[in-house]
């Protein structure tokens, strides 16, 4: 799965970064304060959420002004400006009608956008959201707490010592492991400057969209966790009760952000799919355990392809990619684990069959390209190991390495790990030693081999 990062410009000239991943009905996420499209993509706190939604939707995320890959040098932050960021992304992505997911303070942005553009938003989903900032600052006590948080943010947000940021981490994800908390700490520091973090938090105290809620005519789903320590459960219940016809679904748990493998995360995905009316992509009922071979495919330059040909024509080509891959998987006994629009992840119980399948795919692509106006160039990476199997998916180092190997391959190439090469020794395959290569996320260099597949 590969996210496509692009840029657009808001009405006041601020550049906004947004990312598109997956396929299916469009779903846009509105989320503020600290986001970073690249860091989220690598993070165990967000990656599973992104992939879970991208399985069945064309999932669009963006970094608001002052955060992530968007322009950092901005003078002010307000609800009106956050709505303008969302408007710019929707226009740039060419979305006529879509579902809108507002998380936490992003819920107020989503509500405001939906009331201003009801013709665009088919479904509104609000998770951990509120109509009015639940921590009033119009009292001496409330203002004192607010000012204390601002002071702490300005002093410690970007510091090497994470103790300042751990106040937020312990509140947002109290059930996280030490490693997950470390990632959350670093997300805060990498997402925006201390000054921007303080400005954005200060703007939260002014959020109040309660007057818009009775005007809502968009079908709305409100999801809220009972033990949420960031936005109290009562705020979610009050939000749902103020929107005509809104459906309210209480969820168990204390974390503001769903953690990987946390009980109930599938209920979150199911609720969104069911509300929007999207059927879950068929998943394998059971994946092989023990030693398996992992295969990744990735269409070279899919983002540029879409920009050059347009969405409709590019989608036709990607369907050809899907057809060839699925035909080969069926012929060689591979199990489709995930599809990412411009790539697949598959598993095999036999290393030999996996390599035969990869070769069959490249030969099929090459044959199709001979008569095609626009060739499809695909890179393939393989690795073998013992990943963690959880019914419909595989996780772990073996999977991550296979994905990194695929990313290193050139168009039309098959790259394999040394483990895979040894497993198929004596089977008649031809390999070319590509030497040791540094792969992102792995401390030691990995020796890679090119598989010679041309007849």
Protein backbone atom coordinates (compact mmCIF):
# COMPACT_ATOMS: atom_id res chain seq x y z
CA UNK A 1 0.00 0.00 0.00
CA UNK A 2 1.42 3.36 -1.03
CA UNK A 3 0.04 6.75 -0.12
CA UNK A 4 0.13 9.54 -2.69
CA UNK A 5 1.15 12.86 -1.14
CA UNK A 6 0.11 16.02 -2.97
CA UNK A 7 -0.18 19.72 -2.24
CA UNK A 8 -2.85 22.36 -2.72
CA UNK A 9 -3.30 25.99 -1.71
CA UNK A 10 -5.94 27.35 0.65
CA UNK A 11 -7.81 30.57 -0.09
CA UNK A 12 -5.33 32.67 1.89
CA UNK A 13 -2.28 31.20 0.13
CA UNK A 14 -1.23 28.62 2.73
CA UNK A 15 0.01 25.36 1.15
CA UNK A 16 -1.72 22.26 2.46
CA UNK A 17 -0.37 18.71 2.13
CA UNK A 18 -2.81 15.87 1.61
CA UNK A 19 -2.51 12.13 1.00
CA UNK A 20 -4.66 9.60 -0.85
CA UNK A 21 -4.53 5.86 -0.29
CA UNK A 22 -6.80 2.90 -1.01
CA UNK A 23 -9.73 2.50 -3.35
CA UNK A 24 -13.49 2.67 -3.18
CA UNK A 25 -15.96 5.32 -2.06
CA UNK A 26 -14.16 8.55 -0.99
CA UNK A 27 -13.72 9.12 2.75
CA UNK A 28 -12.02 12.34 3.95
CA UNK A 29 -10.52 12.66 7.43
CA UNK A 30 -10.57 16.00 9.23
CA UNK A 31 -8.17 16.09 12.20
CA UNK A 32 -6.31 18.95 13.79
CA UNK A 33 -3.59 19.90 16.26
CA UNK A 34 -0.78 17.43 15.55
CA UNK A 35 -0.68 15.43 12.33
CA UNK A 36 2.12 14.45 9.97
CA UNK A 37 1.24 12.45 6.85
CA UNK A 38 4.63 10.73 6.60
CA UNK A 39 5.11 10.10 10.31
CA UNK A 40 1.58 8.73 10.71
CA UNK A 41 2.26 6.37 7.80
CA UNK A 42 5.17 4.81 9.69
CA UNK A 43 3.60 5.00 13.14
CA UNK A 44 2.13 1.95 14.93
CA UNK A 45 -0.41 4.37 16.38
CA UNK A 46 -1.95 5.34 13.05
CA UNK A 47 -0.80 2.96 10.29
CA UNK A 48 -3.33 0.24 11.18
CA UNK A 49 -6.14 2.82 11.24
CA UNK A 50 -5.13 4.20 7.85
CA UNK A 51 -4.86 0.75 6.29
CA UNK A 52 -8.09 -0.40 7.93
CA UNK A 53 -10.06 2.43 6.30
CA UNK A 54 -8.13 2.28 3.03
CA UNK A 55 -9.12 -1.37 2.61
CA UNK A 56 -12.63 -0.29 1.61
CA UNK A 57 -12.41 3.46 0.90
CA UNK A 58 -10.36 5.93 -1.07
CA UNK A 59 -9.06 7.50 2.11
CA UNK A 60 -7.97 11.15 2.03
CA UNK A 61 -6.04 12.75 4.92
CA UNK A 62 -4.36 16.10 5.19
CA UNK A 63 -2.08 18.13 7.44
CA UNK A 64 -3.74 21.33 8.58
CA UNK A 65 -1.94 24.66 8.38
CA UNK A 66 1.05 24.85 10.69
CA UNK A 67 1.41 21.06 10.95
CA UNK A 68 3.09 18.15 9.22
CA UNK A 69 4.06 18.75 5.59
CA UNK A 70 1.83 21.81 5.23
CA UNK A 71 3.18 25.35 5.60
CA UNK A 72 4.47 25.81 9.15
CA UNK A 73 4.85 29.60 9.11
CA UNK A 74 1.30 30.76 9.72
CA UNK A 75 0.20 33.72 11.81
CA UNK A 76 -3.04 32.46 13.28
CA UNK A 77 -5.36 29.48 13.67
CA UNK A 78 -9.15 29.47 13.73
CA UNK A 79 -12.11 27.25 12.91
CA UNK A 80 -12.75 29.28 9.75
CA UNK A 81 -9.19 28.69 8.56
CA UNK A 82 -9.41 24.97 9.32
CA UNK A 83 -12.57 24.79 7.22
CA UNK A 84 -10.75 26.62 4.41
CA UNK A 85 -7.99 23.97 4.55
CA UNK A 86 -10.58 21.22 4.16
CA UNK A 87 -12.26 23.07 1.29
CA UNK A 88 -8.94 23.35 -0.54
CA UNK A 89 -8.22 19.64 -0.17
CA UNK A 90 -11.66 18.58 -1.38
CA UNK A 91 -11.35 20.79 -4.47
CA UNK A 92 -7.80 19.66 -5.24
CA UNK A 93 -8.72 15.99 -4.88
CA UNK A 94 -11.64 16.47 -7.29
CA UNK A 95 -14.23 15.07 -4.89
CA UNK A 96 -17.82 15.80 -5.85
CA UNK A 97 -19.45 13.74 -3.12
CA UNK A 98 -17.83 11.90 -0.24
CA UNK A 99 -18.13 10.73 3.35
CA UNK A 100 -16.48 12.98 5.94
CA UNK A 101 -14.82 11.69 9.11
CA UNK A 102 -14.23 14.29 11.83
CA UNK A 103 -12.00 13.09 14.68
CA UNK A 104 -11.68 14.98 17.98
CA UNK A 105 -11.47 18.73 17.32
CA UNK A 106 -11.68 17.90 13.61
CA UNK A 107 -15.34 17.17 14.29
CA UNK A 108 -16.16 20.88 14.54
CA UNK A 109 -14.40 21.46 11.20
CA UNK A 110 -16.41 18.62 9.66
CA UNK A 111 -19.72 19.90 11.07
CA UNK A 112 -19.06 23.41 9.76
CA UNK A 113 -18.06 22.14 6.32
CA UNK A 114 -21.10 19.85 6.09
CA UNK A 115 -23.51 22.69 6.92
CA UNK A 116 -21.86 24.97 4.34
CA UNK A 117 -21.60 22.27 1.65
CA UNK A 118 -24.44 19.78 2.24
CA UNK A 119 -24.42 18.78 -1.43
CA UNK A 120 -20.88 17.44 -1.08
CA UNK A 121 -21.11 15.38 2.12
CA UNK A 122 -23.09 12.16 1.76
CA UNK A 123 -22.34 10.87 5.28
CA UNK A 124 -20.85 12.58 8.33
CA UNK A 125 -18.98 10.45 10.89
CA UNK A 126 -17.86 12.08 14.14
CA UNK A 127 -15.48 10.20 16.45
CA UNK A 128 -14.36 11.49 19.84
CA UNK A 129 -15.79 14.87 18.84
CA UNK A 130 -17.71 17.69 20.52
CA UNK A 131 -19.96 20.63 19.69
CA UNK A 132 -18.41 23.03 22.18
CA UNK A 133 -14.96 22.83 23.75
CA UNK A 134 -15.65 20.82 26.92
CA UNK A 135 -13.16 22.72 29.10
CA UNK A 136 -14.63 26.21 29.65
CA UNK A 137 -12.18 29.05 30.14
CA UNK A 138 -14.74 31.59 31.32
CA UNK A 139 -14.02 30.72 34.96
CA UNK A 140 -10.92 31.54 36.95
CA UNK A 141 -10.18 27.86 37.55
CA UNK A 142 -10.72 26.88 33.91
CA UNK A 143 -8.58 29.74 32.64
CA UNK A 144 -5.78 28.83 35.05
CA UNK A 145 -5.69 25.26 33.73
CA UNK A 146 -5.79 26.50 30.14
CA UNK A 147 -2.90 28.90 30.70
CA UNK A 148 -0.90 26.19 32.47
CA UNK A 149 -1.22 23.87 29.47
CA UNK A 150 -0.21 26.67 27.11
CA UNK A 151 2.87 27.44 29.22
CA UNK A 152 3.84 23.78 29.37
CA UNK A 153 3.36 23.41 25.62
CA UNK A 154 5.51 26.41 24.74
CA UNK A 155 8.25 25.32 27.14
CA UNK A 156 8.43 21.62 26.47
CA UNK A 157 6.73 20.61 23.22
CA UNK A 158 9.90 20.45 21.15
CA UNK A 159 12.31 19.55 23.94
CA UNK A 160 14.54 16.47 23.77
CA UNK A 161 13.21 15.48 27.18
CA UNK A 162 9.79 13.97 26.45
CA UNK A 163 8.47 14.42 30.01
CA UNK A 164 6.68 17.61 28.95
CA UNK A 165 4.81 15.84 26.13
CA UNK A 166 4.02 12.77 28.19
CA UNK A 167 1.22 14.67 29.88
CA UNK A 168 -0.64 14.60 26.57
CA UNK A 169 0.46 11.06 25.72
CA UNK A 170 -0.80 9.61 29.00
CA UNK A 171 -4.17 11.29 28.41
CA UNK A 172 -4.60 10.38 24.75
CA UNK A 173 -3.43 6.76 24.94
CA UNK A 174 -3.34 5.58 28.58
CA UNK A 175 -3.39 1.95 27.46
CA UNK A 176 -0.37 2.24 25.14
CA UNK A 177 2.81 0.24 25.47
CA UNK A 178 6.09 2.04 26.16
CA UNK A 179 7.00 1.82 22.46
CA UNK A 180 3.62 3.21 21.37
CA UNK A 181 3.96 6.06 23.84
CA UNK A 182 7.40 6.84 22.43
CA UNK A 183 5.89 7.08 18.95
CA UNK A 184 3.13 9.36 20.24
CA UNK A 185 5.71 11.60 21.94
CA UNK A 186 7.67 11.87 18.71
CA UNK A 187 4.55 12.51 16.63
CA UNK A 188 3.88 15.56 18.77
CA UNK A 189 7.40 16.90 18.36
CA UNK A 190 7.57 16.24 14.61
CA UNK A 191 4.08 17.46 13.77
CA UNK A 192 4.44 21.15 14.56
CA UNK A 193 6.42 23.73 16.47
CA UNK A 194 5.77 24.50 20.12
CA UNK A 195 4.40 27.92 19.17
CA UNK A 196 1.97 26.47 16.62
CA UNK A 197 0.88 23.76 19.06
CA UNK A 198 0.10 26.44 21.64
CA UNK A 199 -1.74 28.62 19.11
CA UNK A 200 -3.87 25.71 17.93
CA UNK A 201 -4.67 24.61 21.47
CA UNK A 202 -5.60 28.18 22.37
CA UNK A 203 -7.99 28.28 19.41
CA UNK A 204 -9.75 25.18 20.72
CA UNK A 205 -11.21 27.20 23.60
CA UNK A 206 -13.19 29.24 21.05
CA UNK A 207 -14.79 26.25 19.32
CA UNK A 208 -18.56 26.29 19.55
CA UNK A 209 -20.65 24.89 16.69
CA UNK A 210 -23.71 24.11 18.80
CA UNK A 211 -25.80 26.59 16.82
CA UNK A 212 -25.06 24.64 13.62
CA UNK A 213 -26.02 21.23 14.97
CA UNK A 214 -29.84 21.62 14.74
CA UNK A 215 -29.38 22.73 11.12
CA UNK A 216 -27.65 19.51 10.11
CA UNK A 217 -29.43 17.53 7.39
CA UNK A 218 -26.57 15.22 6.47
CA UNK A 219 -26.94 11.62 7.76
CA UNK A 220 -24.66 11.57 10.81
CA UNK A 221 -23.01 8.85 12.88
CA UNK A 222 -21.46 9.77 16.25
CA UNK A 223 -18.94 7.33 17.75
CA UNK A 224 -17.50 7.89 21.23
CA UNK A 225 -15.55 5.78 23.71
CA UNK A 226 -16.97 5.54 27.20
CA UNK A 227 -13.67 6.12 28.99
CA UNK A 228 -12.19 8.78 26.67
CA UNK A 229 -10.05 11.01 28.93
CA UNK A 230 -9.49 13.68 26.26
CA UNK A 231 -13.05 14.39 25.19
CA UNK A 232 -15.54 13.16 27.83
CA UNK A 233 -18.19 10.65 26.81
CA UNK A 234 -20.91 13.13 27.77
CA UNK A 235 -19.62 15.55 25.12
CA UNK A 236 -20.19 12.92 22.43
CA UNK A 237 -23.63 12.04 23.74
CA UNK A 238 -24.60 15.71 23.81
CA UNK A 239 -23.28 16.16 20.27
CA UNK A 240 -25.41 13.30 18.94
CA UNK A 241 -28.54 14.47 20.74
CA UNK A 242 -28.25 17.92 19.14
CA UNK A 243 -28.10 16.67 15.53
CA UNK A 244 -31.49 15.71 14.03
CA UNK A 245 -31.63 11.98 13.33
CA UNK A 246 -28.01 11.32 14.32
CA UNK A 247 -27.09 7.75 15.19
CA UNK A 248 -25.06 7.37 18.39
CA UNK A 249 -22.80 4.35 18.94
CA UNK A 250 -21.02 4.09 22.32
CA UNK A 251 -17.70 2.24 22.12
CA UNK A 252 -15.80 0.60 24.95
CA UNK A 253 -12.29 1.67 25.90
CA UNK A 254 -10.26 4.52 27.37
CA UNK A 255 -7.88 5.48 24.57
CA UNK A 256 -8.72 8.51 22.47
CA UNK A 257 -6.87 6.84 19.58
CA UNK A 258 -7.49 3.17 18.73
CA UNK A 259 -4.29 1.21 19.22
CA UNK A 260 -3.17 -1.64 17.00
CA UNK A 261 -4.74 -4.96 18.05
CA UNK A 262 -6.93 -3.18 20.59
CA UNK A 263 -10.20 -4.93 21.28
CA UNK A 264 -13.05 -3.15 19.53
CA UNK A 265 -11.16 -1.63 16.62
CA UNK A 266 -13.06 -3.83 14.17
CA UNK A 267 -16.32 -2.50 15.64
CA UNK A 268 -15.10 0.98 14.73
CA UNK A 269 -14.42 -0.05 11.12
CA UNK A 270 -17.68 -2.03 10.88
CA UNK A 271 -19.73 0.90 12.16
CA UNK A 272 -18.29 3.24 9.52
CA UNK A 273 -18.65 0.73 6.68
CA UNK A 274 -22.20 -0.13 7.67
CA UNK A 275 -23.23 3.50 7.99
CA UNK A 276 -21.82 4.53 4.62
CA UNK A 277 -23.16 1.35 3.01
CA UNK A 278 -19.82 -0.02 1.88
CA UNK A 279 -19.27 -3.76 1.88
CA UNK A 280 -16.03 -4.99 3.38
CA UNK A 281 -13.57 -6.30 0.82
CA UNK A 282 -13.50 -10.10 0.95
CA UNK A 283 -10.74 -11.22 3.28
CA UNK A 284 -9.23 -14.66 3.52
CA UNK A 285 -10.96 -16.58 6.27
CA UNK A 286 -7.68 -18.10 7.34
CA UNK A 287 -4.07 -17.38 6.55
CA UNK A 288 -1.29 -19.93 6.70
CA UNK A 289 0.87 -19.91 9.81
CA UNK A 290 4.49 -20.94 10.23
CA UNK A 291 6.95 -20.33 7.40
CA UNK A 292 5.30 -18.42 4.54
CA UNK A 293 6.51 -16.36 1.61
CA UNK A 294 5.28 -12.79 1.33
CA UNK A 295 4.92 -11.12 -2.07
CA UNK A 296 4.30 -7.41 -2.70
CA UNK A 297 3.47 -5.76 -6.01
CA UNK A 298 3.53 -2.02 -6.68
CA UNK A 299 2.65 -0.12 -9.85
CA UNK A 300 5.51 2.20 -10.77
CA UNK A 301 4.58 5.90 -10.84
CA UNK A 302 0.88 5.43 -10.11
CA UNK A 303 0.56 9.02 -8.81
CA UNK A 304 2.08 10.47 -11.97
CA UNK A 305 -0.08 8.12 -14.04
CA UNK A 306 -3.24 9.49 -12.43
CA UNK A 307 -2.17 13.08 -12.93
CA UNK A 308 -1.28 12.47 -16.57
CA UNK A 309 -4.27 10.34 -17.61
CA UNK A 310 -6.96 11.42 -15.17
CA UNK A 311 -8.77 9.35 -12.58
CA UNK A 312 -11.01 7.32 -14.93
CA UNK A 313 -8.31 6.21 -17.38
CA UNK A 314 -5.78 5.51 -14.62
CA UNK A 315 -8.36 3.41 -12.83
CA UNK A 316 -8.83 1.29 -15.97
CA UNK A 317 -5.11 0.53 -16.03
CA UNK A 318 -5.09 -0.35 -12.35
CA UNK A 319 -7.95 -2.77 -12.98
CA UNK A 320 -5.71 -4.50 -15.55
CA UNK A 321 -3.05 -4.77 -12.86
CA UNK A 322 -5.59 -6.29 -10.47
CA UNK A 323 -6.77 -8.77 -13.11
CA UNK A 324 -3.27 -10.03 -13.90
CA UNK A 325 -2.25 -10.31 -10.24
CA UNK A 326 -5.39 -12.16 -9.18
CA UNK A 327 -5.20 -14.55 -12.13
CA UNK A 328 -1.62 -15.44 -11.21
CA UNK A 329 -2.45 -15.82 -7.50
CA UNK A 330 -5.23 -18.23 -8.35
CA UNK A 331 -2.99 -20.24 -10.67
CA UNK A 332 -0.13 -20.58 -8.16
CA UNK A 333 -2.08 -20.96 -4.93
CA UNK A 334 -1.39 -17.50 -3.48
CA UNK A 335 -3.68 -15.88 -0.90
CA UNK A 336 -4.56 -12.22 -1.39
CA UNK A 337 -3.98 -10.48 1.93
CA UNK A 338 -4.46 -6.83 1.03
CA UNK A 339 -4.97 -4.66 -2.01
CA UNK A 340 -3.93 -1.03 -1.97
CA UNK A 341 -5.25 0.15 -5.33
CA UNK A 342 -1.80 0.29 -6.90
CA UNK A 343 -0.36 -2.75 -5.16
CA UNK A 344 -1.03 -6.14 -3.58
CA UNK A 345 0.23 -8.13 -0.64
CA UNK A 346 -0.07 -11.92 -0.97
CA UNK A 347 1.14 -14.97 0.93
CA UNK A 348 2.22 -18.47 -0.17
CA UNK A 349 2.85 -21.70 1.65
CA UNK A 350 5.59 -22.52 -0.88
CA UNK A 351 8.55 -20.30 -1.76
CA UNK A 352 8.82 -22.00 -5.15
CA UNK A 353 5.20 -21.30 -6.02
CA UNK A 354 5.57 -17.69 -4.87
CA UNK A 355 8.55 -17.13 -7.14
CA UNK A 356 6.83 -18.87 -10.05
CA UNK A 357 3.84 -16.60 -9.47
CA UNK A 358 5.99 -13.47 -9.48
CA UNK A 359 7.61 -14.51 -12.77
CA UNK A 360 4.21 -15.30 -14.30
CA UNK A 361 2.98 -11.83 -13.30
CA UNK A 362 5.92 -10.01 -14.89
CA UNK A 363 5.62 -12.05 -18.08
CA UNK A 364 1.89 -11.28 -18.26
CA UNK A 365 2.52 -7.57 -17.76
CA UNK A 366 5.24 -7.61 -20.41
CA UNK A 367 2.93 -9.35 -22.90
CA UNK A 368 0.10 -6.89 -22.26
CA UNK A 369 2.45 -3.95 -22.60
CA UNK A 370 3.43 -4.95 -26.13
CA UNK A 371 0.02 -3.88 -27.44
CA UNK A 372 -0.97 -1.35 -24.77
CA UNK A 373 -1.04 2.39 -25.40
CA UNK A 374 0.02 2.95 -21.81
CA UNK A 375 2.26 0.24 -20.32
CA UNK A 376 1.86 -0.96 -16.74
CA UNK A 377 5.23 -1.24 -15.06
CA UNK A 378 5.22 -3.22 -11.83
CA UNK A 379 7.88 -3.95 -9.24
CA UNK A 380 7.71 -7.08 -7.10
CA UNK A 381 9.45 -7.94 -3.84
CA UNK A 382 9.54 -11.24 -1.94
CA UNK A 383 10.68 -12.44 1.45
CA UNK A 384 10.05 -15.52 3.58
CA UNK A 385 9.61 -15.80 7.33
CA UNK A 386 7.15 -16.46 10.12
CA UNK A 387 4.85 -13.43 10.37
CA UNK A 388 2.06 -13.00 12.89
CA UNK A 389 -1.24 -14.19 11.39
CA UNK A 390 -4.51 -12.65 12.52
CA UNK A 391 -7.28 -14.19 10.46
CA UNK A 392 -7.30 -11.73 7.56
CA UNK A 393 -3.86 -10.18 7.76
CA UNK A 394 -0.17 -10.76 8.40
CA UNK A 395 2.16 -8.61 10.47
CA UNK A 396 5.75 -8.53 11.63
CA UNK A 397 9.33 -8.18 10.47
CA UNK A 398 8.99 -10.67 7.60
CA UNK A 399 6.15 -8.59 6.12
CA UNK A 400 7.90 -5.27 6.64
CA UNK A 401 11.05 -6.56 4.96
CA UNK A 402 9.10 -7.83 1.94
CA UNK A 403 7.49 -4.39 1.55
CA UNK A 404 10.84 -2.62 1.77
CA UNK A 405 12.35 -5.00 -0.82
CA UNK A 406 9.50 -4.27 -3.23
CA UNK A 407 10.08 -0.54 -2.78
CA UNK A 408 13.74 -1.02 -3.80
CA UNK A 409 12.88 -2.85 -7.03
CA UNK A 410 12.91 -1.07 -10.36
CA UNK A 411 10.00 -1.14 -12.80
CA UNK A 412 9.54 -4.62 -14.25
CA UNK A 413 11.91 -6.14 -11.72
CA UNK A 414 11.60 -8.92 -9.12
CA UNK A 415 13.76 -8.59 -6.02
CA UNK A 416 14.08 -11.31 -3.36
CA UNK A 417 15.77 -11.70 0.00
CA UNK A 418 18.64 -14.08 0.61
CA UNK A 419 16.29 -16.21 2.74
CA UNK A 420 14.03 -16.77 -0.23
CA UNK A 421 16.94 -17.51 -2.56
CA UNK A 422 18.17 -20.24 -0.23
CA UNK A 423 14.69 -21.76 0.09
CA UNK A 424 14.47 -22.28 -3.69
CA UNK A 425 18.08 -23.40 -4.18
CA UNK A 426 18.30 -26.13 -6.83
CA UNK A 427 14.89 -25.28 -8.33
CA UNK A 428 16.28 -23.76 -11.53
CA UNK A 429 15.74 -20.05 -10.80
CA UNK A 430 18.36 -17.54 -11.90
CA UNK A 431 19.50 -14.85 -9.47
CA UNK A 432 21.79 -11.84 -9.80
CA UNK A 433 23.45 -10.61 -6.61
CA UNK A 434 22.53 -6.95 -6.03
CA UNK A 435 24.72 -6.68 -2.94
CA UNK A 436 23.89 -5.41 0.50
CA UNK A 437 21.37 -2.58 0.66
CA UNK A 438 20.25 -0.32 3.49
CA UNK A 439 16.50 -0.56 3.97
CA UNK A 440 14.43 1.90 5.95
CA UNK A 441 13.59 0.59 9.40
CA UNK A 442 16.34 -2.07 9.45
CA UNK A 443 19.61 -1.44 11.25
CA UNK A 444 21.76 -3.87 9.26
CA UNK A 445 22.11 -3.91 5.45
CA UNK A 446 20.12 -6.62 3.67
CA UNK A 447 21.51 -8.64 0.74
CA UNK A 448 19.10 -8.59 -2.21
CA UNK A 449 18.90 -10.68 -5.37
CA UNK A 450 17.35 -9.85 -8.69
CA UNK A 451 15.29 -12.71 -10.14
CA UNK A 452 15.88 -13.17 -13.88
CA UNK A 453 12.48 -13.84 -15.37
CA UNK A 454 12.69 -12.95 -19.05
CA UNK A 455 12.59 -15.97 -21.37
